[in-house]
Amino acid sequence: MATSYYPFWKSQSPRTQVIAHASLKAAQATAMLLPPLYLVSSLLIRRGTRPFSIARWMRVSTGGTVVGAGIGAGLGWLRLRDQPDYALEDRAYRLANNASQLRADDYSIIGAALSALLIPAIFLRRASLPALVLGGASIGLGVGTWTHIVKVFTEGEKVKPEGMVGEVPVVDGNEK
């Protein structure tokens, strides 16, 4: 059975671990792109028609991240539904032992937690508290992911797939 870096995943099946990973990656991608795009769009493009609103920015950020996570989970399930158990165990093992992947997840989750606290403190009374907390977490998820990407490129780590799984043993000749 595959083990995972996070203790609460140890009891989960490898299929669940890999689908949750796909969901997190899709949520990170939408959190990286949607809040800045909405901010630029509302401040520069739609300036006169619909003025910028903190409440709307938080709703767009939260909704985009939730939809991205759902799409990621659905696509992950579709891709993995016919995979044999040994391939899923191998995939979960490689994900659990990939330092760069774990660092990216840590940065994004820490960013989400910090922003869930900071955004309401900064924009209090500009939107409802639940909207500020969830929107702040969504924005922080993206900021943490961007931070990881910038750190990877500035420190010169290998970013090719071969560099990410080069030293992890592959089960049953699955050379991908």
N, C-alpha and C. Protein backbone atom coordinates (compact mmCIF):
# COMPACT_ATOMS: atom_id res chain seq x y z
N MET A 1 0.84 -1.19 0.00
CA MET A 1 0.00 0.00 0.00
C MET A 1 0.88 1.25 0.00
N ALA A 2 0.50 2.22 -0.75
CA ALA A 2 1.28 3.46 -0.85
C ALA A 2 1.12 4.28 0.42
N THR A 3 2.18 4.95 0.77
CA THR A 3 2.13 5.86 1.91
C THR A 3 2.10 7.28 1.38
N SER A 4 1.75 8.19 2.24
CA SER A 4 1.67 9.58 1.83
C SER A 4 2.37 10.46 2.85
N TYR A 5 2.75 11.63 2.40
CA TYR A 5 3.42 12.60 3.25
C TYR A 5 2.48 13.10 4.34
N TYR A 6 1.22 13.29 4.02
CA TYR A 6 0.25 13.79 4.97
C TYR A 6 -0.38 12.63 5.72
N PRO A 7 -0.34 12.63 7.06
CA PRO A 7 -0.79 11.48 7.84
C PRO A 7 -2.24 11.09 7.59
N PHE A 8 -3.13 12.05 7.35
CA PHE A 8 -4.54 11.69 7.17
C PHE A 8 -4.78 10.97 5.85
N TRP A 9 -3.83 10.98 4.93
CA TRP A 9 -4.01 10.27 3.66
C TRP A 9 -3.65 8.80 3.76
N LYS A 10 -2.97 8.40 4.83
CA LYS A 10 -2.52 7.01 4.93
C LYS A 10 -3.67 6.02 4.88
N SER A 11 -4.82 6.40 5.36
CA SER A 11 -5.96 5.48 5.36
C SER A 11 -6.75 5.52 4.06
N GLN A 12 -6.41 6.43 3.15
CA GLN A 12 -7.14 6.55 1.90
C GLN A 12 -6.56 5.63 0.84
N SER A 13 -7.40 5.24 -0.10
CA SER A 13 -6.93 4.40 -1.20
C SER A 13 -6.04 5.21 -2.14
N PRO A 14 -5.16 4.55 -2.88
CA PRO A 14 -4.31 5.28 -3.83
C PRO A 14 -5.14 6.04 -4.87
N ARG A 15 -6.27 5.49 -5.29
CA ARG A 15 -7.13 6.18 -6.25
C ARG A 15 -7.61 7.50 -5.67
N THR A 16 -8.04 7.50 -4.42
CA THR A 16 -8.50 8.72 -3.76
C THR A 16 -7.37 9.73 -3.64
N GLN A 17 -6.18 9.26 -3.31
CA GLN A 17 -5.04 10.16 -3.18
C GLN A 17 -4.71 10.84 -4.50
N VAL A 18 -4.72 10.09 -5.58
CA VAL A 18 -4.35 10.65 -6.88
C VAL A 18 -5.45 11.59 -7.39
N ILE A 19 -6.71 11.24 -7.18
CA ILE A 19 -7.81 12.12 -7.60
C ILE A 19 -7.80 13.41 -6.79
N ALA A 20 -7.53 13.31 -5.49
CA ALA A 20 -7.43 14.52 -4.66
C ALA A 20 -6.27 15.40 -5.11
N HIS A 21 -5.19 14.77 -5.52
CA HIS A 21 -4.05 15.53 -6.04
C HIS A 21 -4.43 16.27 -7.32
N ALA A 22 -5.14 15.59 -8.21
CA ALA A 22 -5.59 16.24 -9.45
C ALA A 22 -6.52 17.40 -9.15
N SER A 23 -7.38 17.23 -8.16
CA SER A 23 -8.29 18.29 -7.77
C SER A 23 -7.54 19.50 -7.21
N LEU A 24 -6.55 19.24 -6.37
CA LEU A 24 -5.74 20.33 -5.81
C LEU A 24 -4.98 21.06 -6.90
N LYS A 25 -4.41 20.34 -7.85
CA LYS A 25 -3.65 20.99 -8.92
C LYS A 25 -4.55 21.87 -9.78
N ALA A 26 -5.76 21.40 -10.06
CA ALA A 26 -6.69 22.23 -10.85
C ALA A 26 -7.13 23.45 -10.04
N ALA A 27 -7.35 23.28 -8.75
CA ALA A 27 -7.71 24.42 -7.91
C ALA A 27 -6.57 25.43 -7.85
N GLN A 28 -5.34 24.94 -7.76
CA GLN A 28 -4.18 25.84 -7.76
C GLN A 28 -4.09 26.60 -9.07
N ALA A 29 -4.32 25.92 -10.17
CA ALA A 29 -4.23 26.58 -11.49
C ALA A 29 -5.28 27.67 -11.62
N THR A 30 -6.51 27.39 -11.24
CA THR A 30 -7.55 28.42 -11.36
C THR A 30 -7.31 29.55 -10.37
N ALA A 31 -6.78 29.23 -9.18
CA ALA A 31 -6.49 30.27 -8.20
C ALA A 31 -5.31 31.14 -8.63
N MET A 32 -4.41 30.58 -9.43
CA MET A 32 -3.29 31.36 -9.96
C MET A 32 -3.75 32.33 -11.04
N LEU A 33 -4.74 31.94 -11.82
CA LEU A 33 -5.10 32.71 -13.00
C LEU A 33 -6.33 33.59 -12.82
N LEU A 34 -7.39 33.06 -12.23
CA LEU A 34 -8.66 33.78 -12.22
C LEU A 34 -8.66 35.07 -11.38
N PRO A 35 -8.21 35.08 -10.12
CA PRO A 35 -8.24 36.34 -9.37
C PRO A 35 -7.43 37.47 -10.00
N PRO A 36 -6.20 37.22 -10.50
CA PRO A 36 -5.50 38.33 -11.15
C PRO A 36 -6.17 38.78 -12.45
N LEU A 37 -6.71 37.83 -13.21
CA LEU A 37 -7.40 38.20 -14.45
C LEU A 37 -8.64 39.03 -14.16
N TYR A 38 -9.40 38.66 -13.15
CA TYR A 38 -10.57 39.44 -12.78
C TYR A 38 -10.17 40.83 -12.31
N LEU A 39 -9.12 40.90 -11.51
CA LEU A 39 -8.65 42.19 -11.00
C LEU A 39 -8.24 43.11 -12.15
N VAL A 40 -7.45 42.61 -13.07
CA VAL A 40 -7.02 43.41 -14.22
C VAL A 40 -8.22 43.79 -15.08
N SER A 41 -9.09 42.83 -15.30
CA SER A 41 -10.27 43.07 -16.14
C SER A 41 -11.15 44.16 -15.55
N SER A 42 -11.41 44.09 -14.25
CA SER A 42 -12.32 45.07 -13.66
C SER A 42 -11.67 46.43 -13.47
N LEU A 43 -10.36 46.47 -13.29
CA LEU A 43 -9.70 47.76 -13.09
C LEU A 43 -9.36 48.46 -14.40
N LEU A 44 -9.05 47.71 -15.43
CA LEU A 44 -8.61 48.33 -16.69
C LEU A 44 -9.65 48.26 -17.81
N ILE A 45 -10.23 47.09 -18.01
CA ILE A 45 -11.07 46.90 -19.19
C ILE A 45 -12.50 47.38 -18.96
N ARG A 46 -13.12 46.93 -17.88
CA ARG A 46 -14.52 47.26 -17.62
C ARG A 46 -14.64 48.42 -16.64
N ARG A 47 -13.81 49.37 -16.75
CA ARG A 47 -13.74 50.46 -15.78
C ARG A 47 -15.04 51.24 -15.64
N GLY A 48 -15.66 51.59 -16.73
CA GLY A 48 -16.86 52.41 -16.66
C GLY A 48 -18.14 51.62 -16.53
N THR A 49 -18.18 50.41 -17.07
CA THR A 49 -19.42 49.65 -17.08
C THR A 49 -19.72 49.00 -15.74
N ARG A 50 -18.72 48.46 -15.10
CA ARG A 50 -18.92 47.75 -13.83
C ARG A 50 -17.72 48.02 -12.95
N PRO A 51 -17.83 48.93 -11.98
CA PRO A 51 -16.67 49.28 -11.16
C PRO A 51 -16.21 48.11 -10.29
N PHE A 52 -14.96 48.19 -9.87
CA PHE A 52 -14.35 47.15 -9.05
C PHE A 52 -15.05 47.04 -7.71
N SER A 53 -15.25 45.81 -7.26
CA SER A 53 -15.88 45.54 -5.98
C SER A 53 -15.12 44.41 -5.28
N ILE A 54 -14.77 44.62 -4.03
CA ILE A 54 -14.08 43.60 -3.25
C ILE A 54 -14.97 42.37 -3.11
N ALA A 55 -16.24 42.58 -2.85
CA ALA A 55 -17.17 41.46 -2.66
C ALA A 55 -17.25 40.60 -3.93
N ARG A 56 -17.33 41.24 -5.07
CA ARG A 56 -17.40 40.50 -6.34
C ARG A 56 -16.07 39.77 -6.62
N TRP A 57 -14.95 40.41 -6.30
CA TRP A 57 -13.64 39.79 -6.49
C TRP A 57 -13.52 38.53 -5.62
N MET A 58 -14.02 38.60 -4.38
CA MET A 58 -13.98 37.44 -3.50
C MET A 58 -14.87 36.32 -4.02
N ARG A 59 -16.07 36.68 -4.52
CA ARG A 59 -16.98 35.65 -5.06
C ARG A 59 -16.40 34.99 -6.30
N VAL A 60 -15.79 35.76 -7.17
CA VAL A 60 -15.19 35.20 -8.38
C VAL A 60 -14.01 34.30 -8.01
N SER A 61 -13.20 34.72 -7.07
CA SER A 61 -12.05 33.92 -6.64
C SER A 61 -12.49 32.59 -6.03
N THR A 62 -13.46 32.65 -5.14
CA THR A 62 -13.95 31.44 -4.49
C THR A 62 -14.63 30.51 -5.49
N GLY A 63 -15.51 31.07 -6.29
CA GLY A 63 -16.22 30.25 -7.28
C GLY A 63 -15.29 29.60 -8.28
N GLY A 64 -14.32 30.35 -8.75
CA GLY A 64 -13.37 29.79 -9.71
C GLY A 64 -12.55 28.66 -9.13
N THR A 65 -12.12 28.82 -7.89
CA THR A 65 -11.31 27.79 -7.25
C THR A 65 -12.14 26.53 -6.99
N VAL A 66 -13.38 26.71 -6.54
CA VAL A 66 -14.24 25.56 -6.28
C VAL A 66 -14.57 24.82 -7.58
N VAL A 67 -14.90 25.57 -8.62
CA VAL A 67 -15.19 24.94 -9.92
C VAL A 67 -13.94 24.25 -10.46
N GLY A 68 -12.78 24.89 -10.34
CA GLY A 68 -11.53 24.27 -10.79
C GLY A 68 -11.24 22.98 -10.05
N ALA A 69 -11.47 22.96 -8.74
CA ALA A 69 -11.24 21.73 -7.96
C ALA A 69 -12.20 20.63 -8.40
N GLY A 70 -13.44 20.99 -8.65
CA GLY A 70 -14.42 20.00 -9.10
C GLY A 70 -14.09 19.44 -10.47
N ILE A 71 -13.68 20.30 -11.37
CA ILE A 71 -13.29 19.84 -12.71
C ILE A 71 -12.05 18.96 -12.62
N GLY A 72 -11.09 19.35 -11.79
CA GLY A 72 -9.88 18.54 -11.62
C GLY A 72 -10.20 17.15 -11.07
N ALA A 73 -11.10 17.08 -10.09
CA ALA A 73 -11.48 15.78 -9.53
C ALA A 73 -12.20 14.94 -10.58
N GLY A 74 -13.09 15.57 -11.34
CA GLY A 74 -13.81 14.83 -12.38
C GLY A 74 -12.89 14.31 -13.47
N LEU A 75 -11.99 15.16 -13.93
CA LEU A 75 -11.04 14.72 -14.96
C LEU A 75 -10.08 13.67 -14.43
N GLY A 76 -9.67 13.82 -13.17
CA GLY A 76 -8.81 12.81 -12.56
C GLY A 76 -9.51 11.46 -12.48
N TRP A 77 -10.77 11.48 -12.08
CA TRP A 77 -11.52 10.23 -12.00
C TRP A 77 -11.68 9.61 -13.39
N LEU A 78 -12.00 10.43 -14.40
CA LEU A 78 -12.15 9.90 -15.76
C LEU A 78 -10.86 9.28 -16.26
N ARG A 79 -9.75 9.93 -15.97
CA ARG A 79 -8.47 9.42 -16.45
C ARG A 79 -8.04 8.15 -15.72
N LEU A 80 -8.39 8.04 -14.45
CA LEU A 80 -7.90 6.93 -13.64
C LEU A 80 -8.89 5.78 -13.47
N ARG A 81 -10.07 5.89 -14.03
CA ARG A 81 -11.10 4.88 -13.75
C ARG A 81 -10.73 3.49 -14.23
N ASP A 82 -9.92 3.36 -15.28
CA ASP A 82 -9.54 2.06 -15.80
C ASP A 82 -8.13 1.63 -15.42
N GLN A 83 -7.48 2.39 -14.58
CA GLN A 83 -6.11 2.07 -14.19
C GLN A 83 -6.10 0.92 -13.18
N PRO A 84 -5.15 0.00 -13.33
CA PRO A 84 -5.05 -1.09 -12.34
C PRO A 84 -4.52 -0.57 -11.00
N ASP A 85 -4.76 -1.34 -9.96
CA ASP A 85 -4.37 -0.91 -8.61
C ASP A 85 -2.88 -0.70 -8.46
N TYR A 86 -2.06 -1.57 -9.09
CA TYR A 86 -0.61 -1.41 -8.93
C TYR A 86 -0.12 -0.11 -9.56
N ALA A 87 -0.74 0.33 -10.66
CA ALA A 87 -0.34 1.60 -11.28
C ALA A 87 -0.74 2.78 -10.40
N LEU A 88 -1.91 2.68 -9.77
CA LEU A 88 -2.34 3.75 -8.87
C LEU A 88 -1.46 3.82 -7.62
N GLU A 89 -1.08 2.66 -7.11
CA GLU A 89 -0.18 2.64 -5.95
C GLU A 89 1.17 3.26 -6.31
N ASP A 90 1.67 2.94 -7.50
CA ASP A 90 2.92 3.52 -7.97
C ASP A 90 2.81 5.04 -8.08
N ARG A 91 1.71 5.50 -8.67
CA ARG A 91 1.50 6.93 -8.85
C ARG A 91 1.38 7.65 -7.51
N ALA A 92 0.63 7.07 -6.58
CA ALA A 92 0.48 7.67 -5.26
C ALA A 92 1.82 7.69 -4.51
N TYR A 93 2.60 6.62 -4.67
CA TYR A 93 3.92 6.57 -4.04
C TYR A 93 4.84 7.66 -4.59
N ARG A 94 4.84 7.81 -5.92
CA ARG A 94 5.69 8.84 -6.53
C ARG A 94 5.25 10.24 -6.12
N LEU A 95 3.94 10.48 -6.02
CA LEU A 95 3.46 11.79 -5.58
C LEU A 95 3.83 12.05 -4.12
N ALA A 96 3.74 11.03 -3.29
CA ALA A 96 4.04 11.19 -1.87
C ALA A 96 5.52 11.40 -1.61
N ASN A 97 6.37 11.00 -2.54
CA ASN A 97 7.81 11.11 -2.35
C ASN A 97 8.45 12.13 -3.28
N ASN A 98 7.69 12.97 -3.89
CA ASN A 98 8.20 14.00 -4.78
C ASN A 98 8.34 15.30 -4.00
N ALA A 99 9.55 15.66 -3.67
CA ALA A 99 9.80 16.83 -2.81
C ALA A 99 9.27 18.12 -3.43
N SER A 100 9.45 18.31 -4.72
CA SER A 100 8.99 19.53 -5.37
C SER A 100 7.46 19.64 -5.34
N GLN A 101 6.80 18.53 -5.57
CA GLN A 101 5.34 18.50 -5.54
C GLN A 101 4.82 18.80 -4.13
N LEU A 102 5.45 18.21 -3.14
CA LEU A 102 5.04 18.46 -1.75
C LEU A 102 5.30 19.90 -1.35
N ARG A 103 6.40 20.47 -1.81
CA ARG A 103 6.71 21.87 -1.51
C ARG A 103 5.69 22.80 -2.16
N ALA A 104 5.29 22.50 -3.38
CA ALA A 104 4.27 23.31 -4.05
C ALA A 104 2.95 23.25 -3.29
N ASP A 105 2.57 22.06 -2.86
CA ASP A 105 1.33 21.92 -2.09
C ASP A 105 1.43 22.66 -0.76
N ASP A 106 2.57 22.53 -0.09
CA ASP A 106 2.76 23.23 1.18
C ASP A 106 2.68 24.74 1.01
N TYR A 107 3.35 25.27 0.00
CA TYR A 107 3.32 26.72 -0.24
C TYR A 107 1.89 27.19 -0.49
N SER A 108 1.15 26.44 -1.30
CA SER A 108 -0.20 26.89 -1.63
C SER A 108 -1.13 26.80 -0.43
N ILE A 109 -1.00 25.74 0.37
CA ILE A 109 -1.87 25.60 1.54
C ILE A 109 -1.52 26.62 2.61
N ILE A 110 -0.24 26.88 2.80
CA ILE A 110 0.17 27.91 3.76
C ILE A 110 -0.30 29.28 3.28
N GLY A 111 -0.17 29.55 1.98
CA GLY A 111 -0.67 30.81 1.42
C GLY A 111 -2.16 30.98 1.61
N ALA A 112 -2.90 29.89 1.43
CA ALA A 112 -4.35 29.94 1.62
C ALA A 112 -4.70 30.24 3.07
N ALA A 113 -4.01 29.59 4.00
CA ALA A 113 -4.29 29.82 5.42
C ALA A 113 -3.96 31.26 5.83
N LEU A 114 -2.82 31.75 5.38
CA LEU A 114 -2.44 33.12 5.74
C LEU A 114 -3.38 34.15 5.13
N SER A 115 -3.74 33.96 3.88
CA SER A 115 -4.64 34.91 3.22
C SER A 115 -6.06 34.84 3.76
N ALA A 116 -6.46 33.67 4.24
CA ALA A 116 -7.78 33.56 4.86
C ALA A 116 -7.85 34.40 6.14
N LEU A 117 -6.71 34.65 6.75
CA LEU A 117 -6.66 35.51 7.93
C LEU A 117 -6.40 36.98 7.58
N LEU A 118 -5.53 37.23 6.60
CA LEU A 118 -5.14 38.60 6.28
C LEU A 118 -6.17 39.37 5.47
N ILE A 119 -6.75 38.74 4.47
CA ILE A 119 -7.73 39.44 3.61
C ILE A 119 -8.90 39.99 4.42
N PRO A 120 -9.52 39.21 5.33
CA PRO A 120 -10.59 39.80 6.14
C PRO A 120 -10.11 40.94 7.03
N ALA A 121 -8.87 40.85 7.52
CA ALA A 121 -8.35 41.92 8.35
C ALA A 121 -8.15 43.21 7.55
N ILE A 122 -7.76 43.08 6.30
CA ILE A 122 -7.51 44.24 5.46
C ILE A 122 -8.81 44.84 4.91
N PHE A 123 -9.72 43.98 4.44
CA PHE A 123 -10.92 44.45 3.76
C PHE A 123 -12.19 44.30 4.58
N LEU A 124 -12.09 44.31 5.89
CA LEU A 124 -13.25 44.15 6.73
C LEU A 124 -14.31 45.21 6.40
N ARG A 125 -15.54 44.81 6.37
CA ARG A 125 -16.71 45.65 6.06
C ARG A 125 -16.84 46.00 4.59
N ARG A 126 -16.03 45.43 3.73
CA ARG A 126 -16.18 45.65 2.29
C ARG A 126 -16.94 44.49 1.65
N ALA A 127 -17.03 43.40 2.40
CA ALA A 127 -17.79 42.22 1.97
C ALA A 127 -18.11 41.43 3.23
N SER A 128 -18.95 40.42 3.09
CA SER A 128 -19.29 39.59 4.25
C SER A 128 -18.05 38.81 4.69
N LEU A 129 -18.00 38.47 5.97
CA LEU A 129 -16.85 37.75 6.51
C LEU A 129 -16.63 36.39 5.84
N PRO A 130 -17.67 35.57 5.61
CA PRO A 130 -17.42 34.31 4.91
C PRO A 130 -16.86 34.51 3.50
N ALA A 131 -17.35 35.51 2.80
CA ALA A 131 -16.83 35.78 1.46
C ALA A 131 -15.37 36.21 1.52
N LEU A 132 -15.01 37.01 2.51
CA LEU A 132 -13.62 37.45 2.64
C LEU A 132 -12.69 36.30 3.02
N VAL A 133 -13.14 35.42 3.91
CA VAL A 133 -12.30 34.29 4.33
C VAL A 133 -12.11 33.32 3.16
N LEU A 134 -13.20 32.95 2.49
CA LEU A 134 -13.08 31.99 1.38
C LEU A 134 -12.36 32.61 0.18
N GLY A 135 -12.67 33.85 -0.12
CA GLY A 135 -11.98 34.53 -1.22
C GLY A 135 -10.50 34.73 -0.91
N GLY A 136 -10.20 35.06 0.34
CA GLY A 136 -8.81 35.21 0.74
C GLY A 136 -8.05 33.89 0.64
N ALA A 137 -8.70 32.81 1.04
CA ALA A 137 -8.06 31.49 0.92
C ALA A 137 -7.81 31.15 -0.55
N SER A 138 -8.76 31.47 -1.40
CA SER A 138 -8.59 31.20 -2.83
C SER A 138 -7.45 32.01 -3.42
N ILE A 139 -7.39 33.27 -3.08
CA ILE A 139 -6.30 34.12 -3.57
C ILE A 139 -4.96 33.63 -3.01
N GLY A 140 -4.92 33.26 -1.74
CA GLY A 140 -3.70 32.76 -1.12
C GLY A 140 -3.23 31.46 -1.73
N LEU A 141 -4.17 30.62 -2.15
CA LEU A 141 -3.80 29.37 -2.81
C LEU A 141 -3.00 29.69 -4.08
N GLY A 142 -3.47 30.66 -4.84
CA GLY A 142 -2.76 31.06 -6.05
C GLY A 142 -1.44 31.76 -5.76
N VAL A 143 -1.43 32.61 -4.75
CA VAL A 143 -0.19 33.33 -4.40
C VAL A 143 0.87 32.34 -3.92
N GLY A 144 0.48 31.35 -3.14
CA GLY A 144 1.43 30.34 -2.69
C GLY A 144 1.99 29.53 -3.84
N THR A 145 1.15 29.22 -4.80
CA THR A 145 1.61 28.47 -5.97
C THR A 145 2.54 29.32 -6.81
N TRP A 146 2.21 30.59 -7.01
CA TRP A 146 3.11 31.49 -7.75
C TRP A 146 4.44 31.62 -7.02
N THR A 147 4.40 31.70 -5.69
CA THR A 147 5.64 31.80 -4.91
C THR A 147 6.52 30.59 -5.14
N HIS A 148 5.92 29.42 -5.14
CA HIS A 148 6.69 28.20 -5.39
C HIS A 148 7.31 28.22 -6.79
N ILE A 149 6.53 28.61 -7.78
CA ILE A 149 7.03 28.63 -9.16
C ILE A 149 8.19 29.61 -9.30
N VAL A 150 8.05 30.79 -8.74
CA VAL A 150 9.13 31.78 -8.80
C VAL A 150 10.37 31.25 -8.09
N LYS A 151 10.19 30.61 -6.95
CA LYS A 151 11.33 30.07 -6.21
C LYS A 151 12.02 28.97 -7.01
N VAL A 152 11.26 28.12 -7.68
CA VAL A 152 11.85 27.05 -8.48
C VAL A 152 12.70 27.63 -9.60
N PHE A 153 12.19 28.64 -10.29
CA PHE A 153 12.93 29.22 -11.40
C PHE A 153 14.12 30.04 -10.95
N THR A 154 14.03 30.72 -9.83
CA THR A 154 15.16 31.53 -9.37
C THR A 154 16.26 30.68 -8.75
N GLU A 155 15.91 29.52 -8.19
CA GLU A 155 16.92 28.65 -7.61
C GLU A 155 17.47 27.65 -8.61
N GLY A 156 16.88 27.59 -9.80
CA GLY A 156 17.40 26.73 -10.85
C GLY A 156 17.13 25.25 -10.68
N GLU A 157 16.05 24.89 -10.00
CA GLU A 157 15.70 23.47 -9.88
C GLU A 157 15.29 22.92 -11.23
N LYS A 158 15.37 21.61 -11.37
CA LYS A 158 14.89 20.97 -12.58
C LYS A 158 13.37 21.04 -12.60
N VAL A 159 12.80 21.49 -13.70
CA VAL A 159 11.35 21.58 -13.78
C VAL A 159 10.78 20.64 -14.83
N LYS A 160 11.64 19.85 -15.46
CA LYS A 160 11.15 18.87 -16.42
C LYS A 160 10.57 17.68 -15.67
N PRO A 161 9.66 16.95 -16.29
CA PRO A 161 9.12 15.75 -15.63
C PRO A 161 10.22 14.77 -15.25
N GLU A 162 11.28 14.66 -16.05
CA GLU A 162 12.37 13.75 -15.71
C GLU A 162 13.05 14.18 -14.42
N GLY A 163 13.13 15.49 -14.18
CA GLY A 163 13.76 15.98 -12.97
C GLY A 163 12.89 15.77 -11.74
N MET A 164 11.57 15.67 -11.93
CA MET A 164 10.69 15.51 -10.79
C MET A 164 10.62 14.08 -10.30
N VAL A 165 10.78 13.10 -11.17
CA VAL A 165 10.64 11.71 -10.75
C VAL A 165 11.87 10.88 -11.07
N GLY A 166 13.00 11.52 -11.26
CA GLY A 166 14.19 10.82 -11.69
C GLY A 166 14.72 9.77 -10.74
N GLU A 167 14.66 9.98 -9.43
CA GLU A 167 15.26 9.05 -8.50
C GLU A 167 14.25 8.12 -7.84
N VAL A 168 12.99 8.23 -8.17
CA VAL A 168 11.97 7.39 -7.57
C VAL A 168 11.86 6.10 -8.38
N PRO A 169 11.91 4.94 -7.74
CA PRO A 169 11.82 3.68 -8.49
C PRO A 169 10.44 3.54 -9.14
N VAL A 170 10.43 2.95 -10.31
CA VAL A 170 9.20 2.77 -11.07
C VAL A 170 8.78 1.30 -10.95
N VAL A 171 7.50 1.09 -10.68
CA VAL A 171 6.98 -0.27 -10.51
C VAL A 171 6.55 -0.84 -11.84
N ASP A 172 6.90 -2.07 -12.11
CA ASP A 172 6.40 -2.85 -13.24
C ASP A 172 6.74 -2.25 -14.60
N GLY A 173 7.84 -1.53 -14.69
CA GLY A 173 8.29 -1.03 -15.98
C GLY A 173 7.50 0.13 -16.53
N ASN A 174 6.71 0.80 -15.73
CA ASN A 174 5.95 1.96 -16.18
C ASN A 174 6.91 3.14 -16.27
N GLU A 175 7.46 3.37 -17.42
CA GLU A 175 8.56 4.33 -17.61
C GLU A 175 8.09 5.77 -17.84
N LYS A 176 6.82 6.06 -17.70
CA LYS A 176 6.29 7.39 -17.98
C LYS A 176 6.64 8.37 -16.93
